[in-house]
Structure formats: C-alpha cells, structure tokens
Amino acid sequence: MAANLQTVTYSISDLAREFDLTTRAIRFYEDMGLLQPERSGPGGRNRVYSPRDRTRLKLTLRAKRLGLSLTEAKDIIDMYDSPRDTGPQLRKFLTVLAAHRQQLEEQMAELQANLDEVRTHEREAKALLAKADKAKA
C-alpha cells in the first residue's frame, strides 16, 4: 500500500493479498467494469487502485457470497456512485435479495425432498438387509 500526501493507493498485489484473490481474478473484475484503476509506469502497465476500487472489490465479494451475479453486483454497486438518494439503491437491492432468497428457498426445498428420499431408501435397504440376515440364520 503506497501512501502519499493526498491519498492512499493500492497495487494489484496489495488487493490480492488483502482479499485472498489471484491477480487474475482482480483483472477479471476490472474487465467486468467493477474496478477502474489508474495506470502508471511505462506504457501504463502498473495498475493503481484507489480506496473507491478497494471498497467496490469488497462489495463485489460480499455480493458474490450472497449469490448475486457479477452483473447484478455491478448494477447495485454502480448505483452507490451517486449517493444523492439512497431509496432507489435500497429498493433495487431488496428486489435482488428477495429473488435470491426465493431461489435459495426453492433449492432448500428440493434438497430437503432429496434428503427425505435418501432416508426412505436407507430404511428400505436396512429392512431388506435385516430380512436377508434373518433368513440366513
């Protein structure tokens, strides 16, 4: 992390270390438009990330943990760049969260049904095995 008199900046390695990511993943987020680092050095080869980029990366990773797509994450995060009225951002966020909650609840119901079916087959197999063992004795 480089500090000068004006602002704190981060290299791609700094962010990779802090968030336990590969530099390739960070470049991917940049390609998706989630991060917009300044360029420095010969030919602009060095990426210089701002505190804004760091925050956007943190929010992106949080959104991923919630199950949002990168496009959904970008849409929501971009809305926060103009924080005059947070109502639209919060409504959008709630809409996206509700859709993901519904999807997760459906997946959970399906998993519960599968688990119930596995338990039924286990009981049947145990009963058949006990019957077979009893017949041998």
Protein backbone atom coordinates (compact mmCIF):
# COMPACT_ATOMS: atom_id res chain seq x y z
CA MET A 1 0.00 0.00 0.00
CA ALA A 2 1.56 3.26 -1.12
CA ALA A 3 0.74 6.43 0.81
CA ASN A 4 1.39 9.93 -0.39
CA LEU A 5 0.22 13.27 0.92
CA GLN A 6 -3.06 13.15 -1.00
CA THR A 7 -4.48 9.66 -0.92
CA VAL A 8 -3.83 6.03 -0.19
CA THR A 9 -3.46 3.75 -3.19
CA TYR A 10 -3.16 0.01 -3.61
CA SER A 11 -1.32 -2.20 -6.06
CA ILE A 12 -2.95 -5.26 -7.56
CA SER A 13 -0.74 -7.35 -5.24
CA ASP A 14 -1.94 -5.41 -2.19
CA LEU A 15 -5.59 -6.14 -3.02
CA ALA A 16 -4.87 -9.75 -3.96
CA ARG A 17 -3.19 -10.32 -0.59
CA GLU A 18 -5.83 -8.48 1.43
CA PHE A 19 -8.79 -10.28 -0.13
CA ASP A 20 -7.05 -13.62 -0.74
CA LEU A 21 -7.59 -13.42 -4.50
CA THR A 22 -5.41 -14.02 -7.51
CA THR A 23 -4.30 -11.04 -9.55
CA ARG A 24 -6.08 -12.71 -12.45
CA ALA A 25 -9.39 -12.53 -10.55
CA ILE A 26 -8.85 -8.83 -9.88
CA ARG A 27 -8.10 -8.21 -13.56
CA PHE A 28 -11.32 -10.10 -14.40
CA TYR A 29 -13.31 -7.79 -12.10
CA GLU A 30 -11.63 -4.89 -13.87
CA ASP A 31 -12.66 -6.31 -17.26
CA MET A 32 -16.25 -6.56 -15.95
CA GLY A 33 -16.15 -2.84 -15.13
CA LEU A 34 -16.28 -3.32 -11.38
CA LEU A 35 -12.86 -1.76 -10.83
CA GLN A 36 -11.29 1.16 -12.66
CA PRO A 37 -7.66 1.56 -11.61
CA GLU A 38 -5.44 4.36 -12.76
CA ARG A 39 -2.46 3.34 -14.87
CA SER A 40 1.14 4.34 -14.26
CA GLY A 41 4.64 3.39 -15.30
CA PRO A 42 5.95 2.69 -18.79
CA GLY A 43 3.06 2.13 -21.16
CA GLY A 44 0.58 2.28 -18.27
CA ARG A 45 1.46 -1.26 -17.24
CA ASN A 46 1.05 -0.71 -13.49
CA ARG A 47 -2.42 -0.62 -12.04
CA VAL A 48 -3.02 1.82 -9.18
CA TYR A 49 -6.19 1.16 -7.21
CA SER A 50 -7.96 3.83 -5.17
CA PRO A 51 -9.86 3.42 -1.91
CA ARG A 52 -13.01 3.52 -4.10
CA ASP A 53 -11.73 0.48 -6.05
CA ARG A 54 -10.95 -1.31 -2.78
CA THR A 55 -14.49 -0.65 -1.50
CA ARG A 56 -16.00 -1.79 -4.80
CA LEU A 57 -13.96 -5.01 -4.64
CA LYS A 58 -15.11 -5.61 -1.07
CA LEU A 59 -18.75 -5.05 -2.08
CA THR A 60 -18.31 -7.32 -5.12
CA LEU A 61 -17.04 -10.16 -2.96
CA ARG A 62 -19.89 -9.63 -0.49
CA ALA A 63 -22.40 -9.74 -3.36
CA LYS A 64 -20.85 -12.98 -4.62
CA ARG A 65 -21.22 -14.53 -1.16
CA LEU A 66 -24.91 -13.58 -1.26
CA GLY A 67 -25.24 -15.40 -4.59
CA LEU A 68 -25.56 -12.36 -6.83
CA SER A 69 -24.16 -12.47 -10.34
CA LEU A 70 -21.37 -10.06 -11.17
CA THR A 71 -23.76 -8.14 -13.41
CA GLU A 72 -26.24 -7.76 -10.56
CA ALA A 73 -23.42 -6.75 -8.22
CA LYS A 74 -22.18 -4.15 -10.69
CA ASP A 75 -25.67 -2.70 -11.18
CA ILE A 76 -26.13 -2.27 -7.45
CA ILE A 77 -22.60 -1.02 -6.74
CA ASP A 78 -22.79 1.47 -9.61
CA MET A 79 -25.93 2.94 -8.07
CA TYR A 80 -23.92 3.86 -4.96
CA ASP A 81 -21.60 6.05 -7.02
CA SER A 82 -24.30 8.72 -6.95
CA PRO A 83 -25.44 8.65 -3.31
CA ARG A 84 -27.85 11.60 -3.52
CA ASP A 85 -30.92 9.45 -2.95
CA THR A 86 -30.37 6.01 -1.48
CA GLY A 87 -34.02 4.97 -1.94
CA PRO A 88 -33.59 3.58 -5.47
CA GLN A 89 -30.41 1.70 -4.47
CA LEU A 90 -32.11 0.15 -1.47
CA ARG A 91 -35.23 -0.80 -3.45
CA LYS A 92 -33.08 -2.44 -6.16
CA PHE A 93 -31.03 -4.25 -3.50
CA LEU A 94 -34.18 -5.51 -1.77
CA THR A 95 -35.63 -6.72 -5.08
CA VAL A 96 -32.44 -8.63 -5.92
CA LEU A 97 -32.20 -10.07 -2.40
CA ALA A 98 -35.85 -11.20 -2.48
CA ALA A 99 -35.28 -13.01 -5.78
CA HIS A 100 -32.19 -14.74 -4.41
CA ARG A 101 -33.93 -15.66 -1.17
CA GLN A 102 -36.75 -17.25 -3.17
CA GLN A 103 -34.24 -19.15 -5.30
CA LEU A 104 -32.40 -20.39 -2.20
CA GLU A 105 -35.66 -21.44 -0.53
CA GLU A 106 -36.62 -23.42 -3.64
CA GLN A 107 -33.20 -25.08 -3.69
CA MET A 108 -33.51 -25.85 0.00
CA ALA A 109 -36.94 -27.43 -0.52
CA GLU A 110 -35.55 -29.53 -3.34
CA LEU A 111 -32.61 -30.61 -1.20
CA GLN A 112 -34.98 -31.49 1.66
CA ALA A 113 -37.06 -33.63 -0.72
CA ASN A 114 -33.90 -35.38 -1.94
CA LEU A 115 -32.76 -35.95 1.63
CA ASP A 116 -36.16 -37.41 2.54
CA GLU A 117 -35.91 -39.76 -0.45
CA VAL A 118 -32.41 -40.87 0.59
CA ARG A 119 -33.66 -41.59 4.11
CA THR A 120 -36.55 -43.66 2.69
CA HIS A 121 -34.14 -45.72 0.56
CA GLU A 122 -31.82 -46.17 3.55
CA ARG A 123 -34.71 -47.51 5.69
CA GLU A 124 -35.81 -49.85 2.90
CA ALA A 125 -32.27 -51.13 2.32
CA LYS A 126 -31.74 -51.69 6.07
CA ALA A 127 -35.04 -53.55 6.31
CA LEU A 128 -34.14 -55.76 3.32
CA LEU A 129 -30.69 -56.41 4.79
CA ALA A 130 -32.15 -57.34 8.18
CA LYS A 131 -34.62 -59.68 6.44
CA ALA A 132 -31.80 -61.29 4.44
CA ASP A 133 -29.62 -61.70 7.54
CA LYS A 134 -32.57 -63.22 9.46
CA ALA A 135 -33.23 -65.71 6.63
CA LYS A 136 -29.58 -66.88 6.75
CA ALA A 137 -29.72 -67.51 10.48
